[in-house]
Amino acid sequence: MNIGLGIHAQLPDEGKHPGGDTLAGRQTEAACGVWFTSTGNVMPRMVKYKDQEGVIRTITGIRILQQEKKRYCGIPALEYRCSAVSGGTEYRFRLYYYMETCCWRISREV
């Protein structure tokens, strides 16, 4: 008789990810203005980041499409799939909040 104790004891892990290349693209450090709901959820409202030319860009009007708690190499993170409209064009991107280091990162969706 097999009981299977401990086979689901570890949290699921998404593999390598923090600070580097991802399936969704290259991550960039970001500053994020957030709203905390009455239930404690974190809702990104505005993001600022430096683009490849060194220009600081601002994203507002963020629409959150999906939010998930994930672990990358054991590091807990909140991952947000987002979109924003600028100049009549919709842009999709991902925001990552790494709870251990309290830092935000952004990557474009491909």
C-alpha atoms as a PDB file:
ATOM      1  CA  MET A   1       0.000   0.000   0.000  1.00  0.00           C
ATOM      2  CA  ASN A   2       1.433   3.366  -1.044  1.00  0.00           C
ATOM      3  CA  ILE A   3       0.327   6.448   0.835  1.00  0.00           C
ATOM      4  CA  GLY A   4       2.304   9.100  -1.060  1.00  0.00           C
ATOM      5  CA  LEU A   5       3.142  11.345   1.860  1.00  0.00           C
ATOM      6  CA  GLY A   6       5.140  14.423   0.942  1.00  0.00           C
ATOM      7  CA  ILE A   7       4.781  14.204  -2.816  1.00  0.00           C
ATOM      8  CA  HIS A   8       2.951  17.542  -2.917  1.00  0.00           C
ATOM      9  CA  ALA A   9       4.853  19.184  -0.063  1.00  0.00           C
ATOM     10  CA  GLN A  10       6.857  21.566  -2.266  1.00  0.00           C
ATOM     11  CA  LEU A  11       5.347  24.644  -3.861  1.00  0.00           C
ATOM     12  CA  PRO A  12       5.248  24.659  -7.686  1.00  0.00           C
ATOM     13  CA  ASP A  13       8.220  26.388  -9.270  1.00  0.00           C
ATOM     14  CA  GLU A  14       8.278  28.116 -12.655  1.00  0.00           C
ATOM     15  CA  GLY A  15      12.055  27.716 -13.132  1.00  0.00           C
ATOM     16  CA  LYS A  16      14.684  30.356 -13.890  1.00  0.00           C
ATOM     17  CA  HIS A  17      13.495  33.899 -14.319  1.00  0.00           C
ATOM     18  CA  PRO A  18      14.395  36.761 -11.948  1.00  0.00           C
ATOM     19  CA  GLY A  19      16.324  39.583 -13.509  1.00  0.00           C
ATOM     20  CA  GLY A  20      17.065  37.986 -16.832  1.00  0.00           C
ATOM     21  CA  ASP A  21      15.672  36.893 -20.136  1.00  0.00           C
ATOM     22  CA  THR A  22      12.247  35.311 -19.999  1.00  0.00           C
ATOM     23  CA  LEU A  23       9.850  33.724 -22.396  1.00  0.00           C
ATOM     24  CA  ALA A  24       8.066  37.073 -22.373  1.00  0.00           C
ATOM     25  CA  GLY A  25      11.197  39.091 -23.125  1.00  0.00           C
ATOM     26  CA  ARG A  26      13.926  40.984 -21.310  1.00  0.00           C
ATOM     27  CA  GLN A  27      13.051  42.346 -17.869  1.00  0.00           C
ATOM     28  CA  THR A  28      13.777  45.956 -16.948  1.00  0.00           C
ATOM     29  CA  GLU A  29      13.767  47.527 -13.496  1.00  0.00           C
ATOM     30  CA  ALA A  30      10.650  49.599 -12.893  1.00  0.00           C
ATOM     31  CA  ALA A  31       9.012  51.881 -10.362  1.00  0.00           C
ATOM     32  CA  CYS A  32       5.357  51.159  -9.761  1.00  0.00           C
ATOM     33  CA  GLY A  33       2.586  53.164  -8.137  1.00  0.00           C
ATOM     34  CA  VAL A  34       0.045  50.746  -6.651  1.00  0.00           C
ATOM     35  CA  TRP A  35      -3.368  50.704  -5.036  1.00  0.00           C
ATOM     36  CA  PHE A  36      -3.998  48.347  -2.136  1.00  0.00           C
ATOM     37  CA  THR A  37      -7.559  47.047  -2.047  1.00  0.00           C
ATOM     38  CA  SER A  38      -9.506  46.576   1.189  1.00  0.00           C
ATOM     39  CA  THR A  39      -8.704  42.862   0.980  1.00  0.00           C
ATOM     40  CA  GLY A  40      -4.947  43.458   0.651  1.00  0.00           C
ATOM     41  CA  ASN A  41      -4.574  42.857  -3.093  1.00  0.00           C
ATOM     42  CA  VAL A  42      -1.908  44.889  -4.876  1.00  0.00           C
ATOM     43  CA  MET A  43      -3.153  46.657  -8.026  1.00  0.00           C
ATOM     44  CA  PRO A  44      -0.554  48.428 -10.237  1.00  0.00           C
ATOM     45  CA  ARG A  45      -1.825  51.851 -11.387  1.00  0.00           C
ATOM     46  CA  MET A  46       1.266  53.489 -12.946  1.00  0.00           C
ATOM     47  CA  VAL A  47       4.722  52.287 -14.029  1.00  0.00           C
ATOM     48  CA  LYS A  48       7.923  54.163 -14.853  1.00  0.00           C
ATOM     49  CA  TYR A  49      10.941  52.532 -16.461  1.00  0.00           C
ATOM     50  CA  LYS A  50      14.024  53.500 -18.448  1.00  0.00           C
ATOM     51  CA  ASP A  51      14.005  52.354 -22.087  1.00  0.00           C
ATOM     52  CA  GLN A  52      17.025  51.227 -24.135  1.00  0.00           C
ATOM     53  CA  GLU A  53      17.880  54.826 -25.067  1.00  0.00           C
ATOM     54  CA  GLY A  54      17.836  55.885 -21.401  1.00  0.00           C
ATOM     55  CA  VAL A  55      14.541  57.783 -21.660  1.00  0.00           C
ATOM     56  CA  ILE A  56      12.208  57.408 -18.675  1.00  0.00           C
ATOM     57  CA  ARG A  57       8.820  56.169 -19.895  1.00  0.00           C
ATOM     58  CA  THR A  58       5.528  56.304 -17.985  1.00  0.00           C
ATOM     59  CA  ILE A  59       2.611  53.912 -18.401  1.00  0.00           C
ATOM     60  CA  THR A  60      -0.785  54.875 -16.997  1.00  0.00           C
ATOM     61  CA  GLY A  61      -4.282  53.511 -17.526  1.00  0.00           C
ATOM     62  CA  ILE A  62      -3.086  49.985 -16.761  1.00  0.00           C
ATOM     63  CA  ARG A  63      -5.629  47.222 -17.217  1.00  0.00           C
ATOM     64  CA  ILE A  64      -4.789  43.995 -15.392  1.00  0.00           C
ATOM     65  CA  LEU A  65      -5.694  40.985 -17.500  1.00  0.00           C
ATOM     66  CA  GLN A  66      -4.407  38.281 -15.168  1.00  0.00           C
ATOM     67  CA  GLN A  67      -2.641  38.033 -11.814  1.00  0.00           C
ATOM     68  CA  GLU A  68      -0.803  34.983 -10.466  1.00  0.00           C
ATOM     69  CA  LYS A  69       1.434  34.100  -7.540  1.00  0.00           C
ATOM     70  CA  LYS A  70       4.493  32.267  -8.861  1.00  0.00           C
ATOM     71  CA  ARG A  71       7.887  31.023  -7.735  1.00  0.00           C
ATOM     72  CA  TYR A  72      11.000  31.323  -9.903  1.00  0.00           C
ATOM     73  CA  CYS A  73      13.884  29.192  -8.592  1.00  0.00           C
ATOM     74  CA  GLY A  74      12.134  29.298  -5.232  1.00  0.00           C
ATOM     75  CA  ILE A  75      11.780  33.107  -5.229  1.00  0.00           C
ATOM     76  CA  PRO A  76       8.150  34.188  -4.673  1.00  0.00           C
ATOM     77  CA  ALA A  77       6.740  36.721  -7.125  1.00  0.00           C
ATOM     78  CA  LEU A  78       3.465  38.254  -8.197  1.00  0.00           C
ATOM     79  CA  GLU A  79       3.093  38.251 -11.971  1.00  0.00           C
ATOM     80  CA  TYR A  80       0.645  40.602 -13.678  1.00  0.00           C
ATOM     81  CA  ARG A  81      -0.323  40.354 -17.353  1.00  0.00           C
ATOM     82  CA  CYS A  82      -1.351  43.888 -18.304  1.00  0.00           C
ATOM     83  CA  SER A  83      -2.363  46.106 -21.168  1.00  0.00           C
ATOM     84  CA  ALA A  84      -2.459  49.870 -21.703  1.00  0.00           C
ATOM     85  CA  VAL A  85      -3.579  52.036 -24.608  1.00  0.00           C
ATOM     86  CA  SER A  86      -1.363  54.836 -25.910  1.00  0.00           C
ATOM     87  CA  GLY A  87      -2.011  56.772 -29.116  1.00  0.00           C
ATOM     88  CA  GLY A  88      -4.812  54.393 -30.083  1.00  0.00           C
ATOM     89  CA  THR A  89      -2.528  51.336 -29.870  1.00  0.00           C
ATOM     90  CA  GLU A  90      -2.856  48.635 -27.221  1.00  0.00           C
ATOM     91  CA  TYR A  91       0.408  47.511 -25.620  1.00  0.00           C
ATOM     92  CA  ARG A  92       0.695  44.286 -23.622  1.00  0.00           C
ATOM     93  CA  PHE A  93       3.314  43.760 -20.968  1.00  0.00           C
ATOM     94  CA  ARG A  94       4.024  41.876 -17.765  1.00  0.00           C
ATOM     95  CA  LEU A  95       4.839  43.283 -14.365  1.00  0.00           C
ATOM     96  CA  TYR A  96       6.651  41.240 -11.752  1.00  0.00           C
ATOM     97  CA  TYR A  97       6.802  42.073  -8.059  1.00  0.00           C
ATOM     98  CA  TYR A  98       9.500  40.189  -6.161  1.00  0.00           C
ATOM     99  CA  MET A  99       8.387  40.132  -2.531  1.00  0.00           C
ATOM    100  CA  GLU A 100      11.757  39.207  -1.005  1.00  0.00           C
ATOM    101  CA  THR A 101      13.541  42.223  -2.494  1.00  0.00           C
ATOM    102  CA  CYS A 102      10.489  44.517  -2.788  1.00  0.00           C
ATOM    103  CA  CYS A 103      11.327  45.342  -6.412  1.00  0.00           C
ATOM    104  CA  TRP A 104       9.287  45.656  -9.606  1.00  0.00           C
ATOM    105  CA  ARG A 105      10.329  44.594 -13.114  1.00  0.00           C
ATOM    106  CA  ILE A 106       8.607  44.951 -16.470  1.00  0.00           C
ATOM    107  CA  SER A 107       8.837  43.000 -19.729  1.00  0.00           C
ATOM    108  CA  ARG A 108       7.053  43.289 -23.054  1.00  0.00           C
ATOM    109  CA  GLU A 109       4.836  40.491 -24.202  1.00  0.00           C
ATOM    110  CA  VAL A 110       5.953  39.012 -27.473  1.00  0.00           C
END
